[in-house]
């Protein structure tokens, strides 16, 4: 990662990590889940956004009843 100063205290940073391009956030019962970049990376407490199929996969933390849980999904447009 390299940084360069543009205007005094303003910097730009080049990223090579795909996760930086993601902008979704997801909470289940007020607890934030970790976003992963593929279905194969899913584990308890994570979610994956499948844009091609317009789906979000959620693997909530143990003991969560997803049918009665408060699920909040935020995106940046």
PDB file of N, CA and C in Angstrom:
ATOM      1  N   UNK A   1       0.860  -1.160   0.000  1.00  0.00           N
ATOM      2  CA  UNK A   1       0.000   0.000   0.000  1.00  0.00           C
ATOM      3  C   UNK A   1       0.909   1.225   0.000  1.00  0.00           C
ATOM      4  N   UNK A   2       0.632   2.158  -0.877  1.00  0.00           N
ATOM      5  CA  UNK A   2       1.431   3.382  -0.916  1.00  0.00           C
ATOM      6  C   UNK A   2       0.526   4.587  -0.712  1.00  0.00           C
ATOM      7  N   UNK A   3       1.052   5.563   0.017  1.00  0.00           N
ATOM      8  CA  UNK A   3       0.306   6.792   0.281  1.00  0.00           C
ATOM      9  C   UNK A   3       1.086   7.965  -0.272  1.00  0.00           C
ATOM     10  N   UNK A   4       0.350   8.949  -0.747  1.00  0.00           N
ATOM     11  CA  UNK A   4       1.008  10.191  -1.149  1.00  0.00           C
ATOM     12  C   UNK A   4       0.147  11.360  -0.706  1.00  0.00           C
ATOM     13  N   UNK A   5       0.817  12.423  -0.345  1.00  0.00           N
ATOM     14  CA  UNK A   5       0.131  13.617   0.118  1.00  0.00           C
ATOM     15  C   UNK A   5      -0.365  14.411  -1.073  1.00  0.00           C
ATOM     16  N   UNK A   6      -1.628  14.806  -1.024  1.00  0.00           N
ATOM     17  CA  UNK A   6      -2.194  15.618  -2.095  1.00  0.00           C
ATOM     18  C   UNK A   6      -2.279  17.073  -1.677  1.00  0.00           C
ATOM     19  N   UNK A   7      -2.913  17.322  -0.549  1.00  0.00           N
ATOM     20  CA  UNK A   7      -3.130  18.690  -0.079  1.00  0.00           C
ATOM     21  C   UNK A   7      -2.862  18.767   1.418  1.00  0.00           C
ATOM     22  N   UNK A   8      -1.628  18.802   1.800  1.00  0.00           N
ATOM     23  CA  UNK A   8      -1.307  18.892   3.219  1.00  0.00           C
ATOM     24  C   UNK A   8      -1.674  17.643   3.982  1.00  0.00           C
ATOM     25  N   UNK A   9      -2.828  17.655   4.658  1.00  0.00           N
ATOM     26  CA  UNK A   9      -3.250  16.520   5.474  1.00  0.00           C
ATOM     27  C   UNK A   9      -4.166  15.559   4.734  1.00  0.00           C
ATOM     28  N   UNK A  10      -4.331  15.730   3.443  1.00  0.00           N
ATOM     29  CA  UNK A  10      -5.167  14.830   2.646  1.00  0.00           C
ATOM     30  C   UNK A  10      -4.249  13.902   1.864  1.00  0.00           C
ATOM     31  N   UNK A  11      -4.538  12.608   1.933  1.00  0.00           N
ATOM     32  CA  UNK A  11      -3.701  11.608   1.280  1.00  0.00           C
ATOM     33  C   UNK A  11      -4.552  10.719   0.391  1.00  0.00           C
ATOM     34  N   UNK A  12      -3.940  10.198  -0.645  1.00  0.00           N
ATOM     35  CA  UNK A  12      -4.612   9.135  -1.384  1.00  0.00           C
ATOM     36  C   UNK A  12      -3.816   7.857  -1.173  1.00  0.00           C
ATOM     37  N   UNK A  13      -4.525   6.753  -1.192  1.00  0.00           N
ATOM     38  CA  UNK A  13      -3.926   5.455  -0.922  1.00  0.00           C
ATOM     39  C   UNK A  13      -4.376   4.502  -2.009  1.00  0.00           C
ATOM     40  N   UNK A  14      -3.441   3.802  -2.612  1.00  0.00           N
ATOM     41  CA  UNK A  14      -3.827   2.806  -3.610  1.00  0.00           C
ATOM     42  C   UNK A  14      -4.012   1.469  -2.898  1.00  0.00           C
ATOM     43  N   UNK A  15      -5.139   0.834  -3.149  1.00  0.00           N
ATOM     44  CA  UNK A  15      -5.456  -0.437  -2.520  1.00  0.00           C
ATOM     45  C   UNK A  15      -5.481  -1.532  -3.568  1.00  0.00           C
ATOM     46  N   UNK A  16      -4.993  -2.689  -3.185  1.00  0.00           N
ATOM     47  CA  UNK A  16      -5.070  -3.856  -4.052  1.00  0.00           C
ATOM     48  C   UNK A  16      -6.021  -4.896  -3.476  1.00  0.00           C
ATOM     49  N   UNK A  17      -6.701  -4.540  -2.392  1.00  0.00           N
ATOM     50  CA  UNK A  17      -7.588  -5.480  -1.725  1.00  0.00           C
ATOM     51  C   UNK A  17      -9.023  -5.278  -2.210  1.00  0.00           C
ATOM     52  N   UNK A  18      -9.653  -6.342  -2.681  1.00  0.00           N
ATOM     53  CA  UNK A  18     -11.016  -6.244  -3.199  1.00  0.00           C
ATOM     54  C   UNK A  18     -12.018  -5.809  -2.134  1.00  0.00           C
ATOM     55  N   UNK A  19     -11.758  -6.152  -0.879  1.00  0.00           N
ATOM     56  CA  UNK A  19     -12.708  -5.833   0.185  1.00  0.00           C
ATOM     57  C   UNK A  19     -12.917  -4.331   0.318  1.00  0.00           C
ATOM     58  N   UNK A  20     -11.921  -3.543  -0.017  1.00  0.00           N
ATOM     59  CA  UNK A  20     -12.045  -2.088   0.074  1.00  0.00           C
ATOM     60  C   UNK A  20     -13.137  -1.578  -0.860  1.00  0.00           C
ATOM     61  N   UNK A  21     -13.413  -2.288  -1.924  1.00  0.00           N
ATOM     62  CA  UNK A  21     -14.424  -1.875  -2.896  1.00  0.00           C
ATOM     63  C   UNK A  21     -15.843  -2.191  -2.433  1.00  0.00           C
ATOM     64  N   UNK A  22     -15.994  -3.009  -1.399  1.00  0.00           N
ATOM     65  CA  UNK A  22     -17.309  -3.377  -0.889  1.00  0.00           C
ATOM     66  C   UNK A  22     -17.845  -2.254  -0.019  1.00  0.00           C
ATOM     67  N   UNK A  23     -19.145  -2.091   0.022  1.00  0.00           N
ATOM     68  CA  UNK A  23     -19.722  -1.007   0.810  1.00  0.00           C
ATOM     69  C   UNK A  23     -20.965  -1.423   1.590  1.00  0.00           C
ATOM     70  N   UNK A  24     -21.181  -2.709   1.760  1.00  0.00           N
ATOM     71  CA  UNK A  24     -22.338  -3.166   2.514  1.00  0.00           C
ATOM     72  C   UNK A  24     -21.970  -3.338   3.988  1.00  0.00           C
ATOM     73  N   UNK A  25     -22.986  -3.256   4.829  1.00  0.00           N
ATOM     74  CA  UNK A  25     -22.831  -3.515   6.253  1.00  0.00           C
ATOM     75  C   UNK A  25     -24.101  -4.241   6.701  1.00  0.00           C
ATOM     76  N   UNK A  26     -23.952  -5.207   7.601  1.00  0.00           N
ATOM     77  CA  UNK A  26     -25.093  -6.023   7.991  1.00  0.00           C
ATOM     78  C   UNK A  26     -25.036  -6.299   9.493  1.00  0.00           C
ATOM     79  N   UNK A  27     -26.188  -6.114  10.150  1.00  0.00           N
ATOM     80  CA  UNK A  27     -26.313  -6.383  11.580  1.00  0.00           C
ATOM     81  C   UNK A  27     -27.453  -7.368  11.798  1.00  0.00           C
ATOM     82  N   UNK A  28     -27.259  -8.298  12.717  1.00  0.00           N
ATOM     83  CA  UNK A  28     -28.316  -9.208  13.149  1.00  0.00           C
ATOM     84  C   UNK A  28     -28.462  -9.017  14.655  1.00  0.00           C
ATOM     85  N   UNK A  29     -29.649  -8.571  15.066  1.00  0.00           N
ATOM     86  CA  UNK A  29     -29.919  -8.260  16.477  1.00  0.00           C
ATOM     87  C   UNK A  29     -28.879  -7.294  17.047  1.00  0.00           C
ATOM     88  N   UNK A  30     -28.491  -6.318  16.246  1.00  0.00           N
ATOM     89  CA  UNK A  30     -27.558  -5.292  16.695  1.00  0.00           C
ATOM     90  C   UNK A  30     -26.095  -5.675  16.671  1.00  0.00           C
ATOM     91  N   UNK A  31     -25.789  -6.886  16.232  1.00  0.00           N
ATOM     92  CA  UNK A  31     -24.402  -7.360  16.183  1.00  0.00           C
ATOM     93  C   UNK A  31     -23.927  -7.347  14.735  1.00  0.00           C
ATOM     94  N   UNK A  32     -22.819  -6.667  14.475  1.00  0.00           N
ATOM     95  CA  UNK A  32     -22.281  -6.596  13.122  1.00  0.00           C
ATOM     96  C   UNK A  32     -21.680  -7.914  12.680  1.00  0.00           C
ATOM     97  N   UNK A  33     -21.970  -8.297  11.434  1.00  0.00           N
ATOM     98  CA  UNK A  33     -21.378  -9.489  10.858  1.00  0.00           C
ATOM     99  C   UNK A  33     -20.204  -9.079   9.976  1.00  0.00           C
ATOM    100  N   UNK A  34     -19.279  -9.992   9.753  1.00  0.00           N
ATOM    101  CA  UNK A  34     -18.098  -9.739   8.941  1.00  0.00           C
ATOM    102  C   UNK A  34     -18.392 -10.089   7.495  1.00  0.00           C
ATOM    103  N   UNK A  35     -18.103  -9.167   6.589  1.00  0.00           N
ATOM    104  CA  UNK A  35     -18.320  -9.435   5.173  1.00  0.00           C
ATOM    105  C   UNK A  35     -17.145 -10.229   4.611  1.00  0.00           C
ATOM    106  N   UNK A  36     -17.465 -11.243   3.805  1.00  0.00           N
ATOM    107  CA  UNK A  36     -16.450 -12.031   3.112  1.00  0.00           C
ATOM    108  C   UNK A  36     -16.654 -11.872   1.614  1.00  0.00           C
ATOM    109  N   UNK A  37     -15.646 -12.256   0.839  1.00  0.00           N
ATOM    110  CA  UNK A  37     -15.671 -12.017  -0.602  1.00  0.00           C
ATOM    111  C   UNK A  37     -16.103 -13.206  -1.439  1.00  0.00           C
ATOM    112  N   UNK A  38     -16.343 -14.352  -0.802  1.00  0.00           N
ATOM    113  CA  UNK A  38     -16.826 -15.513  -1.553  1.00  0.00           C
ATOM    114  C   UNK A  38     -17.653 -16.398  -0.632  1.00  0.00           C
ATOM    115  N   UNK A  39     -18.511 -17.189  -1.235  1.00  0.00           N
ATOM    116  CA  UNK A  39     -19.348 -18.107  -0.465  1.00  0.00           C
ATOM    117  C   UNK A  39     -18.479 -19.110   0.292  1.00  0.00           C
ATOM    118  N   UNK A  40     -17.366 -19.496  -0.297  1.00  0.00           N
ATOM    119  CA  UNK A  40     -16.459 -20.444   0.338  1.00  0.00           C
ATOM    120  C   UNK A  40     -15.776 -19.907   1.584  1.00  0.00           C
ATOM    121  N   UNK A  41     -15.745 -18.602   1.758  1.00  0.00           N
ATOM    122  CA  UNK A  41     -15.133 -17.994   2.941  1.00  0.00           C
ATOM    123  C   UNK A  41     -16.119 -17.840   4.097  1.00  0.00           C
ATOM    124  N   UNK A  42     -17.372 -18.194   3.863  1.00  0.00           N
ATOM    125  CA  UNK A  42     -18.395 -18.016   4.895  1.00  0.00           C
ATOM    126  C   UNK A  42     -18.053 -18.823   6.138  1.00  0.00           C
ATOM    127  N   UNK A  43     -18.325 -18.199   7.282  1.00  0.00           N
ATOM    128  CA  UNK A  43     -18.239 -18.867   8.574  1.00  0.00           C
ATOM    129  C   UNK A  43     -19.238 -18.191   9.501  1.00  0.00           C
ATOM    130  N   UNK A  44     -19.423 -18.754  10.649  1.00  0.00           N
ATOM    131  CA  UNK A  44     -20.388 -18.204  11.589  1.00  0.00           C
ATOM    132  C   UNK A  44     -20.069 -16.728  11.859  1.00  0.00           C
ATOM    133  N   UNK A  45     -21.098 -15.882  11.775  1.00  0.00           N
ATOM    134  CA  UNK A  45     -20.929 -14.454  12.009  1.00  0.00           C
ATOM    135  C   UNK A  45     -20.469 -13.683  10.791  1.00  0.00           C
ATOM    136  N   UNK A  46     -20.767 -14.213   9.594  1.00  0.00           N
ATOM    137  CA  UNK A  46     -20.336 -13.531   8.369  1.00  0.00           C
ATOM    138  C   UNK A  46     -21.476 -13.446   7.363  1.00  0.00           C
ATOM    139  N   UNK A  47     -21.236 -12.641   6.313  1.00  0.00           N
ATOM    140  CA  UNK A  47     -22.196 -12.561   5.213  1.00  0.00           C
ATOM    141  C   UNK A  47     -21.452 -12.351   3.905  1.00  0.00           C
ATOM    142  N   UNK A  48     -22.113 -12.729   2.811  1.00  0.00           N
ATOM    143  CA  UNK A  48     -21.540 -12.618   1.473  1.00  0.00           C
ATOM    144  C   UNK A  48     -22.588 -12.029   0.540  1.00  0.00           C
ATOM    145  N   UNK A  49     -22.193 -11.046  -0.251  1.00  0.00           N
ATOM    146  CA  UNK A  49     -23.086 -10.419  -1.225  1.00  0.00           C
ATOM    147  C   UNK A  49     -22.791 -11.014  -2.596  1.00  0.00           C
ATOM    148  N   UNK A  50     -23.787 -11.667  -3.178  1.00  0.00           N
ATOM    149  CA  UNK A  50     -23.688 -12.249  -4.521  1.00  0.00           C
ATOM    150  C   UNK A  50     -24.424 -11.314  -5.472  1.00  0.00           C
ATOM    151  N   UNK A  51     -23.699 -10.358  -6.024  1.00  0.00           N
ATOM    152  CA  UNK A  51     -24.333  -9.363  -6.892  1.00  0.00           C
ATOM    153  C   UNK A  51     -24.905  -9.976  -8.159  1.00  0.00           C
ATOM    154  N   UNK A  52     -24.237 -10.971  -8.711  1.00  0.00           N
ATOM    155  CA  UNK A  52     -24.685 -11.583  -9.965  1.00  0.00           C
ATOM    156  C   UNK A  52     -26.080 -12.178  -9.834  1.00  0.00           C
ATOM    157  N   UNK A  53     -26.391 -12.714  -8.660  1.00  0.00           N
ATOM    158  CA  UNK A  53     -27.696 -13.343  -8.443  1.00  0.00           C
ATOM    159  C   UNK A  53     -28.600 -12.532  -7.520  1.00  0.00           C
ATOM    160  N   UNK A  54     -28.179 -11.321  -7.156  1.00  0.00           N
ATOM    161  CA  UNK A  54     -28.949 -10.423  -6.282  1.00  0.00           C
ATOM    162  C   UNK A  54     -29.344 -11.108  -4.973  1.00  0.00           C
ATOM    163  N   UNK A  55     -28.351 -11.741  -4.318  1.00  0.00           N
ATOM    164  CA  UNK A  55     -28.584 -12.450  -3.058  1.00  0.00           C
ATOM    165  C   UNK A  55     -27.581 -12.013  -2.002  1.00  0.00           C
ATOM    166  N   UNK A  56     -27.995 -12.050  -0.753  1.00  0.00           N
ATOM    167  CA  UNK A  56     -27.081 -11.889   0.372  1.00  0.00           C
ATOM    168  C   UNK A  56     -27.181 -13.158   1.207  1.00  0.00           C
ATOM    169  N   UNK A  57     -26.054 -13.819   1.413  1.00  0.00           N
ATOM    170  CA  UNK A  57     -25.988 -15.009   2.245  1.00  0.00           C
ATOM    171  C   UNK A  57     -25.588 -14.576   3.650  1.00  0.00           C
ATOM    172  N   UNK A  58     -26.329 -15.042   4.661  1.00  0.00           N
ATOM    173  CA  UNK A  58     -26.084 -14.667   6.051  1.00  0.00           C
ATOM    174  C   UNK A  58     -25.867 -15.937   6.871  1.00  0.00           C
ATOM    175  N   UNK A  59     -24.756 -15.988   7.604  1.00  0.00           N
ATOM    176  CA  UNK A  59     -24.509 -17.075   8.553  1.00  0.00           C
ATOM    177  C   UNK A  59     -24.433 -16.424   9.929  1.00  0.00           C
ATOM    178  N   UNK A  60     -25.571 -16.329  10.628  1.00  0.00           N
ATOM    179  CA  UNK A  60     -25.588 -15.618  11.910  1.00  0.00           C
ATOM    180  C   UNK A  60     -24.811 -16.370  12.991  1.00  0.00           C
ATOM    181  N   UNK A  61     -24.571 -15.665  14.069  1.00  0.00           N
ATOM    182  CA  UNK A  61     -23.872 -16.265  15.205  1.00  0.00           C
ATOM    183  C   UNK A  61     -24.736 -17.355  15.819  1.00  0.00           C
ATOM    184  N   UNK A  62     -24.109 -18.284  16.485  1.00  0.00           N
ATOM    185  CA  UNK A  62     -24.770 -19.425  17.100  1.00  0.00           C
ATOM    186  C   UNK A  62     -25.897 -18.970  18.025  1.00  0.00           C
ATOM    187  N   UNK A  63     -27.021 -19.665  17.961  1.00  0.00           N
ATOM    188  CA  UNK A  63     -28.156 -19.370  18.822  1.00  0.00           C
ATOM    189  C   UNK A  63     -29.113 -18.329  18.279  1.00  0.00           C
ATOM    190  N   UNK A  64     -28.852 -17.805  17.084  1.00  0.00           N
ATOM    191  CA  UNK A  64     -29.716 -16.786  16.489  1.00  0.00           C
ATOM    192  C   UNK A  64     -30.866 -17.446  15.752  1.00  0.00           C
ATOM    193  N   UNK A  65     -32.097 -17.042  16.067  1.00  0.00           N
ATOM    194  CA  UNK A  65     -33.263 -17.495  15.317  1.00  0.00           C
ATOM    195  C   UNK A  65     -33.502 -16.452  14.227  1.00  0.00           C
ATOM    196  N   UNK A  66     -33.020 -16.726  13.035  1.00  0.00           N
ATOM    197  CA  UNK A  66     -33.045 -15.729  11.962  1.00  0.00           C
ATOM    198  C   UNK A  66     -34.470 -15.351  11.570  1.00  0.00           C
ATOM    199  N   UNK A  67     -35.435 -16.249  11.777  1.00  0.00           N
ATOM    200  CA  UNK A  67     -36.814 -15.933  11.385  1.00  0.00           C
ATOM    201  C   UNK A  67     -37.438 -14.858  12.277  1.00  0.00           C
ATOM    202  N   UNK A  68     -36.913 -14.678  13.491  1.00  0.00           N
ATOM    203  CA  UNK A  68     -37.436 -13.628  14.363  1.00  0.00           C
ATOM    204  C   UNK A  68     -36.391 -12.552  14.676  1.00  0.00           C
ATOM    205  N   UNK A  69     -35.232 -12.646  14.057  1.00  0.00           N
ATOM    206  CA  UNK A  69     -34.148 -11.692  14.327  1.00  0.00           C
ATOM    207  C   UNK A  69     -34.406 -10.361  13.633  1.00  0.00           C
ATOM    208  N   UNK A  70     -33.829  -9.314  14.196  1.00  0.00           N
ATOM    209  CA  UNK A  70     -33.852  -7.986  13.581  1.00  0.00           C
ATOM    210  C   UNK A  70     -32.631  -7.894  12.673  1.00  0.00           C
ATOM    211  N   UNK A  71     -32.849  -7.921  11.362  1.00  0.00           N
ATOM    212  CA  UNK A  71     -31.752  -7.889  10.385  1.00  0.00           C
ATOM    213  C   UNK A  71     -31.741  -6.522   9.720  1.00  0.00           C
ATOM    214  N   UNK A  72     -30.594  -5.846   9.809  1.00  0.00           N
ATOM    215  CA  UNK A  72     -30.429  -4.527   9.196  1.00  0.00           C
ATOM    216  C   UNK A  72     -29.320  -4.609   8.157  1.00  0.00           C
ATOM    217  N   UNK A  73     -29.624  -4.152   6.943  1.00  0.00           N
ATOM    218  CA  UNK A  73     -28.649  -4.167   5.855  1.00  0.00           C
ATOM    219  C   UNK A  73     -28.518  -2.751   5.328  1.00  0.00           C
ATOM    220  N   UNK A  74     -27.313  -2.243   5.344  1.00  0.00           N
ATOM    221  CA  UNK A  74     -27.070  -0.896   4.851  1.00  0.00           C
ATOM    222  C   UNK A  74     -26.137  -0.925   3.650  1.00  0.00           C
ATOM    223  N   UNK A  75     -26.383  -0.042   2.708  1.00  0.00           N
ATOM    224  CA  UNK A  75     -25.500   0.085   1.553  1.00  0.00           C
ATOM    225  C   UNK A  75     -25.223   1.555   1.300  1.00  0.00           C
ATOM    226  N   UNK A  76     -24.144   1.812   0.623  1.00  0.00           N
ATOM    227  CA  UNK A  76     -23.830   3.172   0.211  1.00  0.00           C
ATOM    228  C   UNK A  76     -24.141   3.274  -1.271  1.00  0.00           C
ATOM    229  N   UNK A  77     -24.835   4.321  -1.654  1.00  0.00           N
ATOM    230  CA  UNK A  77     -25.181   4.485  -3.067  1.00  0.00           C
ATOM    231  C   UNK A  77     -24.449   5.652  -3.667  1.00  0.00           C
TER     232      UNK A  77
END
